């Protein structure tokens, strides 16, 4: 195993996240470790879902130890750029396709040659230049209270735009405009329908008196309680809530199945250009997309990107769906325009 550069000494138990202002230059970041003070791989990760199991399995199987620096996508990308050649990161892991595209566009990732990843990850879920690869997929779709809504009430061709229909007035809940989920959804609609049609869609949501919720769990609970009838959330939040409350009155409707398909986003990763352990970093990403795919996605009820891997039972019960092709470039390059559209429409 190649020797690892000396890491900063701060370590905490893997399950904990701590502020590390004296160690980390970016506020909001923290350190997680399962590999000791001289871990072989350092991962800059915006992903906080059930990290321990999959990476412990990888470490046990390969003997390659890992350490995490946690933060949000923007913080970690800023840190990678600031550190440059002096940085110690080996892998950059994000929870948004647009952030992956931005990392590639900013030149902080290393193109790699990997037949295993090319086979495991669909073309639109990986960078055409092999700088990053999707590892877990989530669907952002329509949720409804089956006591108040029938599936036939939805527009099956363009479900997101169909929520502008006046029949949904006073019945609609969504996430706030600062949510990356909202912004990526709107960016995907801009890519699909154009700016003006998307602006009309968002204005229609506002005209219907959309009730803005601070998070997806709050939104699902509101639908269950009957304070709103319809909303848009990531599918895995519903899976989590059903584990706690099996009789939750919320059902997913797969959006736009007669049209472009349901909006999806990905968590993914790439090898950092300045990594001194690039081969091991690539090995980790390959493992997560293949042998470790279930361990990586099942704990958070996400969909595997690898078509040969079955979804875990809770989300398998949601049924199959056709997804909208993902354009990471649109999510990244059109994020600012999505924010402008939300603001212009008066969406809070």
C-alpha atoms as a PDB file:
ATOM      1  CA  UNK A   1       0.000   0.000   0.000  1.00  0.00           C
ATOM      2  CA  UNK A   2       1.432   3.429  -0.892  1.00  0.00           C
ATOM      3  CA  UNK A   3       2.347   5.530   2.104  1.00  0.00           C
ATOM      4  CA  UNK A   4      -0.108   8.272   2.930  1.00  0.00           C
ATOM      5  CA  UNK A   5       0.789  11.882   3.600  1.00  0.00           C
ATOM      6  CA  UNK A   6       0.397  12.864   7.228  1.00  0.00           C
ATOM      7  CA  UNK A   7      -3.194  13.887   7.857  1.00  0.00           C
ATOM      8  CA  UNK A   8      -4.454  16.509  10.240  1.00  0.00           C
ATOM      9  CA  UNK A   9      -4.725  14.957  13.713  1.00  0.00           C
ATOM     10  CA  UNK A  10      -8.381  15.643  14.519  1.00  0.00           C
ATOM     11  CA  UNK A  11     -10.497  12.477  14.520  1.00  0.00           C
ATOM     12  CA  UNK A  12     -13.904  11.573  15.917  1.00  0.00           C
ATOM     13  CA  UNK A  13     -16.036   8.444  15.874  1.00  0.00           C
ATOM     14  CA  UNK A  14     -17.422   7.724  12.390  1.00  0.00           C
ATOM     15  CA  UNK A  15     -21.011   8.354  13.433  1.00  0.00           C
ATOM     16  CA  UNK A  16     -20.276  11.872  14.647  1.00  0.00           C
ATOM     17  CA  UNK A  17     -19.778  15.129  12.793  1.00  0.00           C
ATOM     18  CA  UNK A  18     -17.938  17.970  14.462  1.00  0.00           C
ATOM     19  CA  UNK A  19     -17.167  21.534  13.625  1.00  0.00           C
ATOM     20  CA  UNK A  20     -13.475  21.919  12.953  1.00  0.00           C
ATOM     21  CA  UNK A  21     -12.930  25.605  12.600  1.00  0.00           C
ATOM     22  CA  UNK A  22      -9.340  25.471  13.770  1.00  0.00           C
ATOM     23  CA  UNK A  23      -8.526  22.659  11.379  1.00  0.00           C
ATOM     24  CA  UNK A  24     -10.751  23.280   8.375  1.00  0.00           C
ATOM     25  CA  UNK A  25     -10.817  26.640   6.619  1.00  0.00           C
ATOM     26  CA  UNK A  26     -14.449  26.388   5.551  1.00  0.00           C
ATOM     27  CA  UNK A  27     -17.243  26.849   8.065  1.00  0.00           C
ATOM     28  CA  UNK A  28     -19.687  23.976   8.266  1.00  0.00           C
ATOM     29  CA  UNK A  29     -17.197  21.246   7.407  1.00  0.00           C
ATOM     30  CA  UNK A  30     -16.352  18.381   9.729  1.00  0.00           C
ATOM     31  CA  UNK A  31     -14.133  15.340   9.961  1.00  0.00           C
ATOM     32  CA  UNK A  32     -15.251  11.724  10.046  1.00  0.00           C
ATOM     33  CA  UNK A  33     -12.875   8.787  10.223  1.00  0.00           C
ATOM     34  CA  UNK A  34     -12.903   5.029  10.259  1.00  0.00           C
ATOM     35  CA  UNK A  35      -9.333   4.511   9.059  1.00  0.00           C
ATOM     36  CA  UNK A  36      -7.249   6.029  11.834  1.00  0.00           C
ATOM     37  CA  UNK A  37      -4.916   8.987  11.651  1.00  0.00           C
ATOM     38  CA  UNK A  38      -3.156   7.879   8.469  1.00  0.00           C
ATOM     39  CA  UNK A  39      -6.035   6.707   6.302  1.00  0.00           C
ATOM     40  CA  UNK A  40      -5.179   5.722   2.755  1.00  0.00           C
ATOM     41  CA  UNK A  41      -8.009   7.698   1.157  1.00  0.00           C
ATOM     42  CA  UNK A  42      -9.434  11.059   2.105  1.00  0.00           C
ATOM     43  CA  UNK A  43     -12.941  11.701   0.780  1.00  0.00           C
ATOM     44  CA  UNK A  44     -14.455  15.161   0.569  1.00  0.00           C
ATOM     45  CA  UNK A  45     -18.121  14.236   0.910  1.00  0.00           C
ATOM     46  CA  UNK A  46     -21.372  16.169   0.817  1.00  0.00           C
ATOM     47  CA  UNK A  47     -23.190  12.876   1.256  1.00  0.00           C
ATOM     48  CA  UNK A  48     -24.243  12.197   4.850  1.00  0.00           C
ATOM     49  CA  UNK A  49     -26.563   9.211   4.404  1.00  0.00           C
ATOM     50  CA  UNK A  50     -25.542   6.006   6.186  1.00  0.00           C
ATOM     51  CA  UNK A  51     -21.888   6.293   5.279  1.00  0.00           C
ATOM     52  CA  UNK A  52     -20.525   3.822   7.766  1.00  0.00           C
ATOM     53  CA  UNK A  53     -21.741   0.444   6.502  1.00  0.00           C
ATOM     54  CA  UNK A  54     -20.585   0.577   2.895  1.00  0.00           C
ATOM     55  CA  UNK A  55     -17.200   2.097   3.613  1.00  0.00           C
ATOM     56  CA  UNK A  56     -16.490  -0.261   6.471  1.00  0.00           C
ATOM     57  CA  UNK A  57     -17.279  -3.139   4.117  1.00  0.00           C
ATOM     58  CA  UNK A  58     -14.869  -1.671   1.560  1.00  0.00           C
ATOM     59  CA  UNK A  59     -12.156  -1.251   4.160  1.00  0.00           C
ATOM     60  CA  UNK A  60     -12.633  -4.778   5.507  1.00  0.00           C
ATOM     61  CA  UNK A  61     -12.550  -6.275   2.020  1.00  0.00           C
ATOM     62  CA  UNK A  62      -9.626  -4.327   0.565  1.00  0.00           C
ATOM     63  CA  UNK A  63      -7.582  -3.158   3.541  1.00  0.00           C
ATOM     64  CA  UNK A  64      -7.820   0.398   2.163  1.00  0.00           C
ATOM     65  CA  UNK A  65      -8.790   2.795   4.956  1.00  0.00           C
ATOM     66  CA  UNK A  66     -10.872   5.937   4.477  1.00  0.00           C
ATOM     67  CA  UNK A  67     -11.397   9.283   6.169  1.00  0.00           C
ATOM     68  CA  UNK A  68     -14.084  11.864   5.406  1.00  0.00           C
ATOM     69  CA  UNK A  69     -14.158  15.630   5.341  1.00  0.00           C
ATOM     70  CA  UNK A  70     -17.825  16.615   5.329  1.00  0.00           C
ATOM     71  CA  UNK A  71     -19.573  19.757   4.120  1.00  0.00           C
ATOM     72  CA  UNK A  72     -21.943  20.872   1.416  1.00  0.00           C
ATOM     73  CA  UNK A  73     -21.136  20.674  -2.279  1.00  0.00           C
ATOM     74  CA  UNK A  74     -20.207  24.325  -2.706  1.00  0.00           C
ATOM     75  CA  UNK A  75     -18.012  24.413   0.406  1.00  0.00           C
ATOM     76  CA  UNK A  76     -16.071  21.340  -0.553  1.00  0.00           C
ATOM     77  CA  UNK A  77     -15.555  22.395  -4.163  1.00  0.00           C
ATOM     78  CA  UNK A  78     -14.308  25.778  -2.924  1.00  0.00           C
ATOM     79  CA  UNK A  79     -11.916  24.002  -0.588  1.00  0.00           C
ATOM     80  CA  UNK A  80     -10.562  21.760  -3.354  1.00  0.00           C
ATOM     81  CA  UNK A  81      -9.897  24.778  -5.553  1.00  0.00           C
ATOM     82  CA  UNK A  82      -8.263  26.710  -2.716  1.00  0.00           C
ATOM     83  CA  UNK A  83      -5.981  23.822  -1.725  1.00  0.00           C
ATOM     84  CA  UNK A  84      -4.859  23.080  -5.266  1.00  0.00           C
ATOM     85  CA  UNK A  85      -1.726  20.946  -5.473  1.00  0.00           C
ATOM     86  CA  UNK A  86      -1.305  21.136  -1.676  1.00  0.00           C
ATOM     87  CA  UNK A  87      -4.599  19.355  -1.013  1.00  0.00           C
ATOM     88  CA  UNK A  88      -4.878  15.857   0.424  1.00  0.00           C
ATOM     89  CA  UNK A  89      -8.260  14.886  -1.022  1.00  0.00           C
ATOM     90  CA  UNK A  90      -8.490  11.735  -3.122  1.00  0.00           C
ATOM     91  CA  UNK A  91     -12.223  11.530  -3.846  1.00  0.00           C
ATOM     92  CA  UNK A  92     -14.879  14.236  -4.238  1.00  0.00           C
ATOM     93  CA  UNK A  93     -18.379  12.912  -3.478  1.00  0.00           C
ATOM     94  CA  UNK A  94     -21.519  14.987  -4.004  1.00  0.00           C
ATOM     95  CA  UNK A  95     -25.296  14.708  -3.785  1.00  0.00           C
ATOM     96  CA  UNK A  96     -26.151  16.651  -6.936  1.00  0.00           C
ATOM     97  CA  UNK A  97     -25.388  16.139 -10.625  1.00  0.00           C
ATOM     98  CA  UNK A  98     -24.898  19.859 -11.103  1.00  0.00           C
ATOM     99  CA  UNK A  99     -22.196  19.893  -8.422  1.00  0.00           C
ATOM    100  CA  UNK A 100     -20.445  17.004 -10.164  1.00  0.00           C
ATOM    101  CA  UNK A 101     -20.553  18.873 -13.456  1.00  0.00           C
ATOM    102  CA  UNK A 102     -19.217  22.018 -11.765  1.00  0.00           C
ATOM    103  CA  UNK A 103     -16.320  20.052 -10.274  1.00  0.00           C
ATOM    104  CA  UNK A 104     -15.447  18.683 -13.689  1.00  0.00           C
ATOM    105  CA  UNK A 105     -15.835  22.085 -15.305  1.00  0.00           C
ATOM    106  CA  UNK A 106     -13.568  23.679 -12.677  1.00  0.00           C
ATOM    107  CA  UNK A 107     -10.830  21.167 -13.472  1.00  0.00           C
ATOM    108  CA  UNK A 108     -10.445  19.601 -10.022  1.00  0.00           C
ATOM    109  CA  UNK A 109     -11.172  16.020 -11.122  1.00  0.00           C
ATOM    110  CA  UNK A 110      -8.986  13.483 -12.890  1.00  0.00           C
ATOM    111  CA  UNK A 111     -10.264  11.638 -15.996  1.00  0.00           C
ATOM    112  CA  UNK A 112      -9.955   7.898 -15.457  1.00  0.00           C
ATOM    113  CA  UNK A 113     -10.210   4.842 -17.678  1.00  0.00           C
ATOM    114  CA  UNK A 114     -12.512   2.259 -16.141  1.00  0.00           C
ATOM    115  CA  UNK A 115     -14.350  -0.406 -18.149  1.00  0.00           C
ATOM    116  CA  UNK A 116     -16.059  -1.449 -14.907  1.00  0.00           C
ATOM    117  CA  UNK A 117     -17.607   2.001 -14.420  1.00  0.00           C
ATOM    118  CA  UNK A 118     -18.478   2.384 -18.096  1.00  0.00           C
ATOM    119  CA  UNK A 119     -20.410  -0.870 -17.883  1.00  0.00           C
ATOM    120  CA  UNK A 120     -22.029  -0.216 -14.505  1.00  0.00           C
ATOM    121  CA  UNK A 121     -23.109   3.443 -14.865  1.00  0.00           C
ATOM    122  CA  UNK A 122     -25.501   4.582 -17.644  1.00  0.00           C
ATOM    123  CA  UNK A 123     -24.057   7.147 -20.036  1.00  0.00           C
ATOM    124  CA  UNK A 124     -26.198  10.075 -18.860  1.00  0.00           C
ATOM    125  CA  UNK A 125     -25.276   9.356 -15.221  1.00  0.00           C
ATOM    126  CA  UNK A 126     -21.531   9.752 -15.814  1.00  0.00           C
ATOM    127  CA  UNK A 127     -19.287  12.375 -17.321  1.00  0.00           C
ATOM    128  CA  UNK A 128     -18.592  11.974 -21.035  1.00  0.00           C
ATOM    129  CA  UNK A 129     -14.934  12.690 -20.231  1.00  0.00           C
ATOM    130  CA  UNK A 130     -14.868  10.115 -17.386  1.00  0.00           C
ATOM    131  CA  UNK A 131     -14.204  12.683 -14.655  1.00  0.00           C
ATOM    132  CA  UNK A 132     -17.137  11.645 -12.447  1.00  0.00           C
ATOM    133  CA  UNK A 133     -19.664   8.827 -12.089  1.00  0.00           C
ATOM    134  CA  UNK A 134     -23.138   8.594 -10.589  1.00  0.00           C
ATOM    135  CA  UNK A 135     -23.428   6.053  -7.779  1.00  0.00           C
ATOM    136  CA  UNK A 136     -26.939   6.440  -6.345  1.00  0.00           C
ATOM    137  CA  UNK A 137     -30.116   7.776  -7.923  1.00  0.00           C
ATOM    138  CA  UNK A 138     -33.126   9.507  -6.421  1.00  0.00           C
ATOM    139  CA  UNK A 139     -36.430  10.392  -8.030  1.00  0.00           C
ATOM    140  CA  UNK A 140     -38.192  13.655  -7.274  1.00  0.00           C
ATOM    141  CA  UNK A 141     -41.803  12.977  -7.998  1.00  0.00           C
ATOM    142  CA  UNK A 142     -45.390  13.736  -7.082  1.00  0.00           C
ATOM    143  CA  UNK A 143     -46.771  12.527  -3.749  1.00  0.00           C
ATOM    144  CA  UNK A 144     -50.464  12.535  -2.879  1.00  0.00           C
ATOM    145  CA  UNK A 145     -53.001  11.663  -0.202  1.00  0.00           C
ATOM    146  CA  UNK A 146     -55.010   8.730  -1.637  1.00  0.00           C
ATOM    147  CA  UNK A 147     -58.068   9.720   0.428  1.00  0.00           C
ATOM    148  CA  UNK A 148     -58.242  13.015  -1.477  1.00  0.00           C
ATOM    149  CA  UNK A 149     -56.627  12.432  -4.857  1.00  0.00           C
ATOM    150  CA  UNK A 150     -56.952   9.810  -7.601  1.00  0.00           C
ATOM    151  CA  UNK A 151     -54.051   8.992  -9.932  1.00  0.00           C
ATOM    152  CA  UNK A 152     -56.213  10.000 -12.878  1.00  0.00           C
ATOM    153  CA  UNK A 153     -56.337  13.544 -11.461  1.00  0.00           C
ATOM    154  CA  UNK A 154     -52.731  14.084 -12.594  1.00  0.00           C
ATOM    155  CA  UNK A 155     -51.477  15.112 -16.000  1.00  0.00           C
ATOM    156  CA  UNK A 156     -49.575  11.992 -17.033  1.00  0.00           C
ATOM    157  CA  UNK A 157     -47.730  13.758 -19.870  1.00  0.00           C
ATOM    158  CA  UNK A 158     -46.293  16.724 -17.985  1.00  0.00           C
ATOM    159  CA  UNK A 159     -47.103  16.178 -14.331  1.00  0.00           C
ATOM    160  CA  UNK A 160     -44.939  19.013 -12.964  1.00  0.00           C
ATOM    161  CA  UNK A 161     -46.505  21.613 -15.249  1.00  0.00           C
ATOM    162  CA  UNK A 162     -49.896  20.009 -14.679  1.00  0.00           C
ATOM    163  CA  UNK A 163     -49.810  21.188 -11.071  1.00  0.00           C
ATOM    164  CA  UNK A 164     -50.579  24.658 -12.425  1.00  0.00           C
ATOM    165  CA  UNK A 165     -54.170  23.516 -13.105  1.00  0.00           C
ATOM    166  CA  UNK A 166     -56.655  25.448 -10.988  1.00  0.00           C
ATOM    167  CA  UNK A 167     -57.986  22.204  -9.481  1.00  0.00           C
ATOM    168  CA  UNK A 168     -54.837  22.137  -7.344  1.00  0.00           C
ATOM    169  CA  UNK A 169     -55.401  25.618  -5.917  1.00  0.00           C
ATOM    170  CA  UNK A 170     -54.891  25.562  -2.154  1.00  0.00           C
ATOM    171  CA  UNK A 171     -53.936  21.870  -2.242  1.00  0.00           C
ATOM    172  CA  UNK A 172     -50.246  22.003  -3.154  1.00  0.00           C
ATOM    173  CA  UNK A 173     -47.097  21.803  -0.991  1.00  0.00           C
ATOM    174  CA  UNK A 174     -43.496  22.163  -2.220  1.00  0.00           C
ATOM    175  CA  UNK A 175     -39.969  22.861  -0.989  1.00  0.00           C
ATOM    176  CA  UNK A 176     -38.541  26.374  -0.691  1.00  0.00           C
ATOM    177  CA  UNK A 177     -36.606  28.127  -3.443  1.00  0.00           C
ATOM    178  CA  UNK A 178     -33.256  27.780  -1.653  1.00  0.00           C
ATOM    179  CA  UNK A 179     -33.443  23.982  -1.753  1.00  0.00           C
ATOM    180  CA  UNK A 180     -31.004  22.356  -4.181  1.00  0.00           C
ATOM    181  CA  UNK A 181     -33.794  19.877  -4.927  1.00  0.00           C
ATOM    182  CA  UNK A 182     -36.098  22.677  -6.093  1.00  0.00           C
ATOM    183  CA  UNK A 183     -33.384  24.402  -8.088  1.00  0.00           C
ATOM    184  CA  UNK A 184     -32.292  21.216  -9.885  1.00  0.00           C
ATOM    185  CA  UNK A 185     -35.907  20.354 -10.723  1.00  0.00           C
ATOM    186  CA  UNK A 186     -36.460  23.804 -12.213  1.00  0.00           C
ATOM    187  CA  UNK A 187     -33.131  23.639 -14.063  1.00  0.00           C
ATOM    188  CA  UNK A 188     -34.192  20.318 -15.583  1.00  0.00           C
ATOM    189  CA  UNK A 189     -37.512  21.853 -16.670  1.00  0.00           C
ATOM    190  CA  UNK A 190     -35.661  24.768 -18.274  1.00  0.00           C
ATOM    191  CA  UNK A 191     -33.558  22.261 -20.177  1.00  0.00           C
ATOM    192  CA  UNK A 192     -36.676  20.335 -21.198  1.00  0.00           C
ATOM    193  CA  UNK A 193     -39.250  23.064 -21.853  1.00  0.00           C
ATOM    194  CA  UNK A 194     -37.263  26.297 -22.173  1.00  0.00           C
ATOM    195  CA  UNK A 195     -37.137  29.299 -19.894  1.00  0.00           C
ATOM    196  CA  UNK A 196     -40.478  30.890 -20.735  1.00  0.00           C
ATOM    197  CA  UNK A 197     -42.546  27.730 -20.387  1.00  0.00           C
ATOM    198  CA  UNK A 198     -40.782  26.920 -17.121  1.00  0.00           C
ATOM    199  CA  UNK A 199     -41.394  30.433 -15.823  1.00  0.00           C
ATOM    200  CA  UNK A 200     -45.082  29.958 -16.637  1.00  0.00           C
ATOM    201  CA  UNK A 201     -45.061  26.662 -14.755  1.00  0.00           C
ATOM    202  CA  UNK A 202     -43.504  28.153 -11.628  1.00  0.00           C
ATOM    203  CA  UNK A 203     -45.876  31.144 -11.793  1.00  0.00           C
ATOM    204  CA  UNK A 204     -48.735  28.636 -11.990  1.00  0.00           C
ATOM    205  CA  UNK A 205     -47.557  26.919  -8.820  1.00  0.00           C
ATOM    206  CA  UNK A 206     -47.443  30.291  -7.089  1.00  0.00           C
ATOM    207  CA  UNK A 207     -50.899  31.228  -8.409  1.00  0.00           C
ATOM    208  CA  UNK A 208     -52.248  28.026  -6.893  1.00  0.00           C
ATOM    209  CA  UNK A 209     -51.097  29.216  -3.478  1.00  0.00           C
ATOM    210  CA  UNK A 210     -48.298  26.684  -3.066  1.00  0.00           C
ATOM    211  CA  UNK A 211     -47.575  26.064   0.614  1.00  0.00           C
ATOM    212  CA  UNK A 212     -43.787  26.158   1.055  1.00  0.00           C
ATOM    213  CA  UNK A 213     -42.279  23.611   3.443  1.00  0.00           C
ATOM    214  CA  UNK A 214     -38.758  23.702   4.860  1.00  0.00           C
ATOM    215  CA  UNK A 215     -37.994  20.029   4.214  1.00  0.00           C
ATOM    216  CA  UNK A 216     -39.387  16.929   2.523  1.00  0.00           C
ATOM    217  CA  UNK A 217     -40.326  15.179   5.769  1.00  0.00           C
ATOM    218  CA  UNK A 218     -42.470  18.118   6.866  1.00  0.00           C
ATOM    219  CA  UNK A 219     -44.077  18.070   3.436  1.00  0.00           C
ATOM    220  CA  UNK A 220     -44.939  14.365   3.624  1.00  0.00           C
ATOM    221  CA  UNK A 221     -46.370  14.776   7.100  1.00  0.00           C
ATOM    222  CA  UNK A 222     -48.567  17.606   5.829  1.00  0.00           C
ATOM    223  CA  UNK A 223     -49.937  15.376   3.063  1.00  0.00           C
ATOM    224  CA  UNK A 224     -50.564  12.575   5.558  1.00  0.00           C
ATOM    225  CA  UNK A 225     -52.358  14.989   7.903  1.00  0.00           C
ATOM    226  CA  UNK A 226     -54.501  16.348   5.062  1.00  0.00           C
ATOM    227  CA  UNK A 227     -53.271  19.944   5.311  1.00  0.00           C
ATOM    228  CA  UNK A 228     -52.226  19.647   1.674  1.00  0.00           C
ATOM    229  CA  UNK A 229     -53.193  17.010  -0.848  1.00  0.00           C
ATOM    230  CA  UNK A 230     -50.252  16.943  -3.244  1.00  0.00           C
ATOM    231  CA  UNK A 231     -46.531  17.674  -3.094  1.00  0.00           C
ATOM    232  CA  UNK A 232     -43.183  16.926  -4.700  1.00  0.00           C
ATOM    233  CA  UNK A 233     -40.479  15.118  -2.722  1.00  0.00           C
ATOM    234  CA  UNK A 234     -37.559  12.752  -3.142  1.00  0.00           C
ATOM    235  CA  UNK A 235     -38.806   9.180  -3.106  1.00  0.00           C
ATOM    236  CA  UNK A 236     -36.514   8.017  -0.301  1.00  0.00           C
ATOM    237  CA  UNK A 237     -38.070  10.364   2.244  1.00  0.00           C
ATOM    238  CA  UNK A 238     -41.341   8.517   1.728  1.00  0.00           C
ATOM    239  CA  UNK A 239     -39.556   5.192   2.206  1.00  0.00           C
ATOM    240  CA  UNK A 240     -38.061   6.431   5.476  1.00  0.00           C
ATOM    241  CA  UNK A 241     -41.417   7.643   6.783  1.00  0.00           C
ATOM    242  CA  UNK A 242     -43.173   4.408   5.801  1.00  0.00           C
ATOM    243  CA  UNK A 243     -40.646   2.471   7.869  1.00  0.00           C
ATOM    244  CA  UNK A 244     -41.711   4.544  10.873  1.00  0.00           C
ATOM    245  CA  UNK A 245     -45.429   4.722  10.034  1.00  0.00           C
ATOM    246  CA  UNK A 246     -46.605   1.990   7.639  1.00  0.00           C
ATOM    247  CA  UNK A 247     -50.141   3.431   7.457  1.00  0.00           C
ATOM    248  CA  UNK A 248     -48.888   6.845   6.253  1.00  0.00           C
ATOM    249  CA  UNK A 249     -51.480   8.296   3.885  1.00  0.00           C
ATOM    250  CA  UNK A 250     -49.037   9.186   1.139  1.00  0.00           C
ATOM    251  CA  UNK A 251     -48.631   7.477  -2.235  1.00  0.00           C
ATOM    252  CA  UNK A 252     -46.160   8.282  -5.015  1.00  0.00           C
ATOM    253  CA  UNK A 253     -47.341   9.117  -8.517  1.00  0.00           C
ATOM    254  CA  UNK A 254     -44.557   8.692 -11.049  1.00  0.00           C
ATOM    255  CA  UNK A 255     -44.472  11.991 -12.885  1.00  0.00           C
ATOM    256  CA  UNK A 256     -44.755  12.412 -16.652  1.00  0.00           C
ATOM    257  CA  UNK A 257     -44.796   8.736 -17.556  1.00  0.00           C
ATOM    258  CA  UNK A 258     -46.556   9.536 -20.826  1.00  0.00           C
ATOM    259  CA  UNK A 259     -44.050  12.305 -21.473  1.00  0.00           C
ATOM    260  CA  UNK A 260     -40.408  12.974 -20.643  1.00  0.00           C
ATOM    261  CA  UNK A 261     -40.378  10.858 -17.467  1.00  0.00           C
ATOM    262  CA  UNK A 262     -39.749  11.522 -13.783  1.00  0.00           C
ATOM    263  CA  UNK A 263     -37.015  13.952 -12.722  1.00  0.00           C
ATOM    264  CA  UNK A 264     -34.004  12.223 -11.140  1.00  0.00           C
ATOM    265  CA  UNK A 265     -30.766  13.348  -9.575  1.00  0.00           C
ATOM    266  CA  UNK A 266     -27.686  11.480  -8.396  1.00  0.00           C
ATOM    267  CA  UNK A 267     -25.054  11.187  -5.753  1.00  0.00           C
ATOM    268  CA  UNK A 268     -21.712  10.517  -7.366  1.00  0.00           C
ATOM    269  CA  UNK A 269     -17.968  10.821  -7.120  1.00  0.00           C
ATOM    270  CA  UNK A 270     -14.749  11.467  -8.984  1.00  0.00           C
ATOM    271  CA  UNK A 271     -11.038  11.102  -8.356  1.00  0.00           C
ATOM    272  CA  UNK A 272      -9.403  14.399  -7.355  1.00  0.00           C
ATOM    273  CA  UNK A 273      -6.774  15.487  -9.876  1.00  0.00           C
ATOM    274  CA  UNK A 274      -4.087  16.021  -7.219  1.00  0.00           C
ATOM    275  CA  UNK A 275      -4.662  12.686  -5.435  1.00  0.00           C
ATOM    276  CA  UNK A 276      -1.509  10.741  -4.627  1.00  0.00           C
ATOM    277  CA  UNK A 277      -3.565   7.541  -4.313  1.00  0.00           C
ATOM    278  CA  UNK A 278      -5.549   7.775  -7.547  1.00  0.00           C
ATOM    279  CA  UNK A 279      -5.521   4.027  -8.189  1.00  0.00           C
ATOM    280  CA  UNK A 280      -7.060   3.281  -4.778  1.00  0.00           C
ATOM    281  CA  UNK A 281      -9.541   6.144  -5.219  1.00  0.00           C
ATOM    282  CA  UNK A 282     -10.639   4.645  -8.527  1.00  0.00           C
ATOM    283  CA  UNK A 283     -10.896   1.237  -6.888  1.00  0.00           C
ATOM    284  CA  UNK A 284     -13.248   2.659  -4.273  1.00  0.00           C
ATOM    285  CA  UNK A 285     -15.544   4.269  -6.855  1.00  0.00           C
ATOM    286  CA  UNK A 286     -15.591   1.076  -8.919  1.00  0.00           C
ATOM    287  CA  UNK A 287     -16.470  -0.963  -5.818  1.00  0.00           C
ATOM    288  CA  UNK A 288     -19.314   1.409  -4.899  1.00  0.00           C
ATOM    289  CA  UNK A 289     -20.794   1.052  -8.392  1.00  0.00           C
ATOM    290  CA  UNK A 290     -20.504  -2.737  -8.510  1.00  0.00           C
ATOM    291  CA  UNK A 291     -19.951  -5.104  -5.598  1.00  0.00           C
ATOM    292  CA  UNK A 292     -20.721  -2.432  -3.002  1.00  0.00           C
ATOM    293  CA  UNK A 293     -23.670  -0.885  -4.832  1.00  0.00           C
ATOM    294  CA  UNK A 294     -26.384  -2.308  -2.579  1.00  0.00           C
ATOM    295  CA  UNK A 295     -24.444  -1.443   0.575  1.00  0.00           C
ATOM    296  CA  UNK A 296     -24.099   2.131  -0.682  1.00  0.00           C
ATOM    297  CA  UNK A 297     -27.719   2.784  -1.706  1.00  0.00           C
ATOM    298  CA  UNK A 298     -29.958   0.531   0.379  1.00  0.00           C
ATOM    299  CA  UNK A 299     -29.500   2.247   3.745  1.00  0.00           C
ATOM    300  CA  UNK A 300     -30.984   5.447   2.342  1.00  0.00           C
ATOM    301  CA  UNK A 301     -33.562   3.718   0.116  1.00  0.00           C
ATOM    302  CA  UNK A 302     -31.959   5.113  -3.039  1.00  0.00           C
ATOM    303  CA  UNK A 303     -32.077   3.522  -6.467  1.00  0.00           C
ATOM    304  CA  UNK A 304     -28.942   1.784  -7.728  1.00  0.00           C
ATOM    305  CA  UNK A 305     -27.461   3.274 -10.888  1.00  0.00           C
ATOM    306  CA  UNK A 306     -26.249  -0.207 -11.820  1.00  0.00           C
ATOM    307  CA  UNK A 307     -29.093  -1.915 -13.684  1.00  0.00           C
ATOM    308  CA  UNK A 308     -27.910  -5.347 -12.551  1.00  0.00           C
ATOM    309  CA  UNK A 309     -28.575  -4.437  -8.903  1.00  0.00           C
ATOM    310  CA  UNK A 310     -32.142  -4.642  -7.568  1.00  0.00           C
ATOM    311  CA  UNK A 311     -33.668  -1.829  -5.477  1.00  0.00           C
ATOM    312  CA  UNK A 312     -34.279  -2.648  -1.826  1.00  0.00           C
ATOM    313  CA  UNK A 313     -37.805  -3.943  -0.997  1.00  0.00           C
ATOM    314  CA  UNK A 314     -39.460  -0.758   0.303  1.00  0.00           C
ATOM    315  CA  UNK A 315     -38.832   1.247  -2.852  1.00  0.00           C
ATOM    316  CA  UNK A 316     -39.301  -1.788  -5.083  1.00  0.00           C
ATOM    317  CA  UNK A 317     -42.896  -1.710  -3.849  1.00  0.00           C
ATOM    318  CA  UNK A 318     -43.278   1.755  -5.371  1.00  0.00           C
ATOM    319  CA  UNK A 319     -43.191   0.117  -8.807  1.00  0.00           C
ATOM    320  CA  UNK A 320     -41.069   0.747 -11.864  1.00  0.00           C
ATOM    321  CA  UNK A 321     -40.944   4.095 -13.630  1.00  0.00           C
ATOM    322  CA  UNK A 322     -39.406   5.773 -16.655  1.00  0.00           C
ATOM    323  CA  UNK A 323     -36.953   8.483 -15.671  1.00  0.00           C
ATOM    324  CA  UNK A 324     -36.224  11.741 -17.391  1.00  0.00           C
ATOM    325  CA  UNK A 325     -32.778  11.652 -19.029  1.00  0.00           C
ATOM    326  CA  UNK A 326     -30.374  13.486 -16.737  1.00  0.00           C
ATOM    327  CA  UNK A 327     -28.290  16.412 -17.972  1.00  0.00           C
ATOM    328  CA  UNK A 328     -25.679  17.236 -15.353  1.00  0.00           C
ATOM    329  CA  UNK A 329     -24.525  20.162 -17.477  1.00  0.00           C
ATOM    330  CA  UNK A 330     -28.036  21.632 -17.390  1.00  0.00           C
ATOM    331  CA  UNK A 331     -28.299  21.160 -13.628  1.00  0.00           C
ATOM    332  CA  UNK A 332     -24.945  22.886 -13.145  1.00  0.00           C
ATOM    333  CA  UNK A 333     -24.816  25.564 -15.823  1.00  0.00           C
ATOM    334  CA  UNK A 334     -28.501  26.503 -15.553  1.00  0.00           C
ATOM    335  CA  UNK A 335     -28.722  26.603 -11.781  1.00  0.00           C
ATOM    336  CA  UNK A 336     -28.349  30.401 -11.706  1.00  0.00           C
ATOM    337  CA  UNK A 337     -31.105  30.731 -14.298  1.00  0.00           C
ATOM    338  CA  UNK A 338     -33.318  28.407 -12.250  1.00  0.00           C
ATOM    339  CA  UNK A 339     -32.826  30.687  -9.226  1.00  0.00           C
ATOM    340  CA  UNK A 340     -33.741  33.696 -11.390  1.00  0.00           C
ATOM    341  CA  UNK A 341     -36.905  31.974 -12.641  1.00  0.00           C
ATOM    342  CA  UNK A 342     -37.992  31.119  -9.094  1.00  0.00           C
ATOM    343  CA  UNK A 343     -37.407  34.713  -7.995  1.00  0.00           C
ATOM    344  CA  UNK A 344     -39.158  36.247 -11.015  1.00  0.00           C
ATOM    345  CA  UNK A 345     -42.168  33.985 -10.446  1.00  0.00           C
ATOM    346  CA  UNK A 346     -42.425  35.072  -6.817  1.00  0.00           C
ATOM    347  CA  UNK A 347     -41.728  31.557  -5.573  1.00  0.00           C
ATOM    348  CA  UNK A 348     -40.463  31.689  -1.980  1.00  0.00           C
END
